[in-house]
N, C-alpha and C. Protein backbone atom coordinates (compact mmCIF):
# COMPACT_ATOMS: atom_id res chain seq x y z
N MET A 1 -51.76 17.87 -48.15
CA MET A 1 -51.81 18.27 -46.78
C MET A 1 -51.56 17.10 -45.84
N ASP A 2 -52.16 15.93 -46.20
CA ASP A 2 -51.96 14.73 -45.38
C ASP A 2 -50.50 14.29 -45.39
N ILE A 3 -49.84 14.43 -46.50
CA ILE A 3 -48.43 14.03 -46.61
C ILE A 3 -47.58 14.93 -45.71
N LEU A 4 -47.86 16.21 -45.73
CA LEU A 4 -47.12 17.15 -44.90
C LEU A 4 -47.38 16.88 -43.41
N SER A 5 -48.61 16.60 -43.08
CA SER A 5 -48.96 16.29 -41.70
C SER A 5 -48.27 15.00 -41.25
N ASN A 6 -48.29 13.97 -42.09
CA ASN A 6 -47.61 12.72 -41.76
C ASN A 6 -46.11 12.92 -41.61
N LEU A 7 -45.54 13.72 -42.48
CA LEU A 7 -44.11 14.01 -42.41
C LEU A 7 -43.76 14.71 -41.09
N LEU A 8 -44.58 15.68 -40.70
CA LEU A 8 -44.34 16.38 -39.44
C LEU A 8 -44.47 15.43 -38.26
N TRP A 9 -45.43 14.53 -38.29
CA TRP A 9 -45.57 13.54 -37.21
C TRP A 9 -44.35 12.63 -37.15
N MET A 10 -43.86 12.20 -38.28
CA MET A 10 -42.68 11.32 -38.30
C MET A 10 -41.46 12.06 -37.75
N ILE A 11 -41.32 13.32 -38.10
CA ILE A 11 -40.20 14.11 -37.59
C ILE A 11 -40.33 14.26 -36.07
N ALA A 12 -41.53 14.53 -35.60
CA ALA A 12 -41.75 14.69 -34.16
C ALA A 12 -41.46 13.38 -33.42
N ILE A 13 -41.89 12.26 -33.97
CA ILE A 13 -41.63 10.95 -33.34
C ILE A 13 -40.14 10.65 -33.36
N TRP A 14 -39.49 10.92 -34.50
CA TRP A 14 -38.04 10.69 -34.59
C TRP A 14 -37.31 11.55 -33.56
N TRP A 15 -37.71 12.81 -33.42
CA TRP A 15 -37.07 13.71 -32.46
C TRP A 15 -37.25 13.21 -31.03
N MET A 16 -38.45 12.76 -30.68
CA MET A 16 -38.71 12.24 -29.34
C MET A 16 -37.90 10.98 -29.07
N LEU A 17 -37.84 10.08 -30.06
CA LEU A 17 -37.06 8.85 -29.89
C LEU A 17 -35.57 9.15 -29.75
N SER A 18 -35.06 10.10 -30.52
CA SER A 18 -33.64 10.45 -30.41
C SER A 18 -33.34 11.06 -29.05
N ARG A 19 -34.26 11.88 -28.52
CA ARG A 19 -34.09 12.45 -27.19
C ARG A 19 -34.10 11.36 -26.12
N MET A 20 -35.02 10.41 -26.24
CA MET A 20 -35.08 9.32 -25.28
C MET A 20 -33.81 8.48 -25.34
N LEU A 21 -33.33 8.20 -26.55
CA LEU A 21 -32.10 7.42 -26.70
C LEU A 21 -30.92 8.17 -26.11
N ARG A 22 -30.87 9.48 -26.32
CA ARG A 22 -29.80 10.29 -25.74
C ARG A 22 -29.86 10.25 -24.21
N THR A 23 -31.05 10.31 -23.65
CA THR A 23 -31.21 10.25 -22.20
C THR A 23 -30.76 8.90 -21.67
N VAL A 24 -31.11 7.84 -22.37
CA VAL A 24 -30.69 6.50 -21.94
C VAL A 24 -29.17 6.39 -21.97
N ARG A 25 -28.55 6.88 -23.02
CA ARG A 25 -27.08 6.85 -23.11
C ARG A 25 -26.44 7.66 -21.98
N LEU A 26 -27.02 8.81 -21.68
CA LEU A 26 -26.50 9.65 -20.61
C LEU A 26 -26.60 8.93 -19.26
N ILE A 27 -27.72 8.28 -19.01
CA ILE A 27 -27.89 7.53 -17.76
C ILE A 27 -26.90 6.38 -17.70
N GLN A 28 -26.71 5.67 -18.79
CA GLN A 28 -25.74 4.58 -18.82
C GLN A 28 -24.33 5.10 -18.55
N HIS A 29 -24.00 6.23 -19.13
CA HIS A 29 -22.68 6.83 -18.92
C HIS A 29 -22.50 7.22 -17.46
N GLN A 30 -23.53 7.82 -16.86
CA GLN A 30 -23.45 8.20 -15.45
C GLN A 30 -23.29 6.97 -14.56
N ARG A 31 -23.99 5.91 -14.87
CA ARG A 31 -23.86 4.68 -14.09
C ARG A 31 -22.46 4.10 -14.22
N LEU A 32 -21.91 4.14 -15.41
CA LEU A 32 -20.56 3.64 -15.64
C LEU A 32 -19.55 4.46 -14.83
N LEU A 33 -19.71 5.78 -14.84
CA LEU A 33 -18.81 6.63 -14.06
C LEU A 33 -18.95 6.34 -12.57
N GLN A 34 -20.17 6.14 -12.09
CA GLN A 34 -20.40 5.83 -10.69
C GLN A 34 -19.76 4.49 -10.32
N GLU A 35 -19.89 3.49 -11.19
CA GLU A 35 -19.26 2.19 -10.93
C GLU A 35 -17.75 2.31 -10.88
N LYS A 36 -17.18 3.08 -11.79
CA LYS A 36 -15.73 3.29 -11.77
C LYS A 36 -15.30 3.97 -10.48
N LYS A 37 -16.07 4.97 -10.05
CA LYS A 37 -15.76 5.68 -8.82
C LYS A 37 -15.83 4.73 -7.62
N GLU A 38 -16.87 3.90 -7.57
CA GLU A 38 -17.01 2.95 -6.47
C GLU A 38 -15.88 1.93 -6.49
N ASN A 39 -15.52 1.45 -7.67
CA ASN A 39 -14.41 0.50 -7.78
C ASN A 39 -13.11 1.14 -7.33
N GLN A 40 -12.88 2.40 -7.71
CA GLN A 40 -11.67 3.10 -7.30
C GLN A 40 -11.64 3.27 -5.79
N MET A 41 -12.79 3.65 -5.21
CA MET A 41 -12.85 3.82 -3.75
C MET A 41 -12.60 2.49 -3.05
N HIS A 42 -13.18 1.41 -3.58
CA HIS A 42 -12.98 0.09 -2.99
C HIS A 42 -11.51 -0.31 -3.09
N PHE A 43 -10.89 -0.04 -4.24
CA PHE A 43 -9.48 -0.36 -4.43
C PHE A 43 -8.62 0.44 -3.46
N GLU A 44 -8.90 1.74 -3.33
CA GLU A 44 -8.11 2.57 -2.42
C GLU A 44 -8.29 2.13 -0.98
N GLN A 45 -9.51 1.77 -0.62
CA GLN A 45 -9.78 1.33 0.75
C GLN A 45 -9.04 0.03 1.04
N SER A 46 -9.08 -0.92 0.11
CA SER A 46 -8.37 -2.18 0.34
C SER A 46 -6.86 -1.95 0.34
N ASP A 47 -6.40 -1.00 -0.49
CA ASP A 47 -4.97 -0.67 -0.52
C ASP A 47 -4.55 -0.04 0.80
N MET A 48 -5.40 0.84 1.35
CA MET A 48 -5.09 1.46 2.64
C MET A 48 -5.05 0.41 3.74
N GLN A 49 -5.97 -0.55 3.69
CA GLN A 49 -5.99 -1.59 4.70
C GLN A 49 -4.74 -2.45 4.61
N SER A 50 -4.30 -2.78 3.40
CA SER A 50 -3.10 -3.59 3.26
C SER A 50 -1.87 -2.80 3.69
N ASN A 51 -1.83 -1.48 3.39
CA ASN A 51 -0.72 -0.65 3.85
C ASN A 51 -0.70 -0.57 5.37
N TYR A 52 -1.89 -0.45 5.98
CA TYR A 52 -1.96 -0.39 7.44
C TYR A 52 -1.44 -1.69 8.05
N LYS A 53 -1.81 -2.82 7.44
CA LYS A 53 -1.33 -4.10 7.94
C LYS A 53 0.19 -4.19 7.81
N GLN A 54 0.72 -3.73 6.68
CA GLN A 54 2.16 -3.78 6.48
C GLN A 54 2.87 -2.86 7.48
N GLN A 55 2.30 -1.68 7.70
CA GLN A 55 2.93 -0.75 8.63
C GLN A 55 2.87 -1.27 10.05
N SER A 56 1.76 -1.92 10.41
CA SER A 56 1.65 -2.40 11.78
C SER A 56 2.55 -3.60 12.03
N GLU A 57 2.95 -4.29 10.98
CA GLU A 57 3.83 -5.44 11.13
C GLU A 57 5.29 -5.02 11.29
N VAL A 58 5.64 -3.82 10.82
CA VAL A 58 7.01 -3.34 10.90
C VAL A 58 7.23 -2.73 12.28
N PRO A 59 8.21 -3.21 13.04
CA PRO A 59 8.44 -2.63 14.36
C PRO A 59 9.02 -1.22 14.21
N LEU A 60 8.55 -0.32 15.07
CA LEU A 60 9.03 1.05 15.03
C LEU A 60 10.27 1.18 15.90
N GLU A 61 11.25 1.87 15.38
CA GLU A 61 12.46 2.12 16.16
C GLU A 61 12.32 3.47 16.85
N MET A 62 12.38 3.44 18.16
CA MET A 62 12.24 4.65 18.95
C MET A 62 13.62 5.12 19.39
N VAL A 63 13.82 6.44 19.36
CA VAL A 63 15.08 7.04 19.81
C VAL A 63 14.75 8.14 20.81
N GLU A 64 15.71 8.41 21.69
CA GLU A 64 15.49 9.41 22.73
C GLU A 64 16.05 10.75 22.30
N ASP A 65 15.27 11.78 22.51
CA ASP A 65 15.70 13.15 22.25
C ASP A 65 16.72 13.52 23.33
N PRO A 66 17.96 13.90 22.96
CA PRO A 66 18.98 14.20 23.96
C PRO A 66 18.71 15.48 24.75
N VAL A 67 17.81 16.32 24.30
CA VAL A 67 17.54 17.58 24.99
C VAL A 67 16.44 17.41 26.04
N CYS A 68 15.28 16.92 25.63
CA CYS A 68 14.15 16.85 26.55
C CYS A 68 13.88 15.44 27.07
N GLY A 69 14.49 14.44 26.46
CA GLY A 69 14.34 13.06 26.93
C GLY A 69 13.12 12.35 26.39
N LYS A 70 12.34 12.98 25.54
CA LYS A 70 11.17 12.31 24.95
C LYS A 70 11.64 11.26 23.96
N PHE A 71 10.80 10.23 23.81
CA PHE A 71 11.08 9.23 22.80
C PHE A 71 10.28 9.56 21.55
N VAL A 72 10.92 9.43 20.41
CA VAL A 72 10.30 9.76 19.13
C VAL A 72 10.62 8.64 18.14
N GLU A 73 9.68 8.41 17.21
CA GLU A 73 9.95 7.41 16.17
C GLU A 73 11.12 7.91 15.33
N LYS A 74 12.03 7.01 15.05
CA LYS A 74 13.27 7.40 14.37
C LYS A 74 13.00 8.05 13.01
N HIS A 75 12.05 7.51 12.27
CA HIS A 75 11.80 8.04 10.93
C HIS A 75 11.05 9.38 10.96
N ARG A 76 10.49 9.77 12.12
CA ARG A 76 9.77 11.04 12.24
C ARG A 76 10.59 12.13 12.92
N GLY A 77 11.68 11.76 13.54
CA GLY A 77 12.47 12.72 14.30
C GLY A 77 13.27 13.66 13.41
N TYR A 78 13.57 14.84 13.96
CA TYR A 78 14.46 15.78 13.29
C TYR A 78 15.89 15.30 13.51
N GLN A 79 16.67 15.25 12.46
CA GLN A 79 18.02 14.67 12.54
C GLN A 79 19.09 15.75 12.52
N LEU A 80 20.18 15.41 13.17
CA LEU A 80 21.37 16.25 13.12
C LEU A 80 22.55 15.29 13.14
N SER A 81 23.41 15.39 12.13
CA SER A 81 24.58 14.52 12.07
C SER A 81 25.82 15.33 12.37
N ARG A 82 26.69 14.72 13.17
CA ARG A 82 27.98 15.33 13.48
C ARG A 82 29.01 14.22 13.41
N GLY A 83 29.82 14.25 12.39
CA GLY A 83 30.80 13.17 12.19
C GLY A 83 30.06 11.88 11.90
N THR A 84 30.31 10.88 12.73
CA THR A 84 29.64 9.59 12.55
C THR A 84 28.40 9.47 13.42
N GLU A 85 28.16 10.46 14.27
CA GLU A 85 27.01 10.43 15.17
C GLU A 85 25.80 11.08 14.51
N THR A 86 24.64 10.51 14.76
CA THR A 86 23.39 11.12 14.32
C THR A 86 22.49 11.26 15.53
N PHE A 87 21.98 12.45 15.73
CA PHE A 87 21.09 12.75 16.84
C PHE A 87 19.68 12.94 16.29
N TYR A 88 18.69 12.51 17.08
CA TYR A 88 17.29 12.64 16.68
C TYR A 88 16.56 13.46 17.72
N PHE A 89 15.69 14.36 17.26
CA PHE A 89 14.99 15.28 18.14
C PHE A 89 13.50 15.23 17.88
N CYS A 90 12.73 15.51 18.93
CA CYS A 90 11.27 15.49 18.81
C CYS A 90 10.74 16.73 18.12
N SER A 91 11.49 17.82 18.16
CA SER A 91 11.03 19.07 17.53
C SER A 91 12.23 19.85 17.01
N TRP A 92 11.91 20.82 16.18
CA TRP A 92 12.96 21.68 15.63
C TRP A 92 13.57 22.53 16.74
N ASP A 93 12.74 22.93 17.71
CA ASP A 93 13.25 23.75 18.83
C ASP A 93 14.29 22.98 19.64
N CYS A 94 14.02 21.67 19.90
CA CYS A 94 15.01 20.87 20.64
C CYS A 94 16.30 20.75 19.85
N ARG A 95 16.18 20.62 18.55
CA ARG A 95 17.37 20.53 17.70
C ARG A 95 18.19 21.81 17.78
N GLU A 96 17.52 22.95 17.70
CA GLU A 96 18.20 24.24 17.77
C GLU A 96 18.83 24.45 19.15
N LYS A 97 18.13 24.04 20.19
CA LYS A 97 18.67 24.18 21.55
C LYS A 97 19.93 23.32 21.70
N PHE A 98 19.92 22.11 21.14
CA PHE A 98 21.08 21.22 21.19
C PHE A 98 22.27 21.86 20.47
N ILE A 99 22.00 22.44 19.31
CA ILE A 99 23.07 23.08 18.54
C ILE A 99 23.68 24.23 19.35
N LYS A 100 22.84 25.04 19.98
CA LYS A 100 23.34 26.19 20.75
C LYS A 100 24.15 25.74 21.97
N GLU A 101 23.70 24.69 22.63
CA GLU A 101 24.34 24.27 23.87
C GLU A 101 25.54 23.34 23.66
N HIS A 102 25.47 22.46 22.70
CA HIS A 102 26.51 21.43 22.57
C HIS A 102 27.47 21.63 21.41
N LEU A 103 27.09 22.41 20.47
CA LEU A 103 27.95 22.59 19.29
C LEU A 103 28.43 24.04 19.20
N LYS A 104 28.78 24.60 20.33
CA LYS A 104 29.27 25.98 20.36
C LYS A 104 30.57 26.10 19.59
N GLN A 105 30.69 27.19 18.89
CA GLN A 105 31.92 27.47 18.16
C GLN A 105 32.93 28.09 19.13
N PRO A 106 34.20 27.69 19.07
CA PRO A 106 35.19 28.31 19.93
C PRO A 106 35.39 29.78 19.58
N GLU A 107 35.53 30.59 20.61
CA GLU A 107 35.67 32.04 20.36
C GLU A 107 37.09 32.44 20.12
C-alpha cells in the first residue's frame, strides 16, 4: 500500500512540475512574441521617419490645372496626354470637362 501511495505522489508531483514547466515555456514564448512585435513596430516607426525625411527633402513639382486653375502636385494629378503635351488636373471632373471643351471631335 505504501508503494502505491508513494507512486501516486510521485506521479502527482511529476504532473505538477510538468504543468509548471509548460506554463513557464508558454510565458517565455509570449514574451518572445511581444519582443518581436515591439522590435517590428520600432523598425516600422524608424522606417516611416526615414521615409518622411526623404520625402520632405524632395522638392514637389506643382502644376496648374488648365480648367479651374488650382495647383496640384504633379505626381498626384490626373493626367491626359495629347501628342507631346501632357495636362494635369486636380480632379477627374476637371479632366472630363477639359476633354469635352477642348478635345471636341469634328462633326
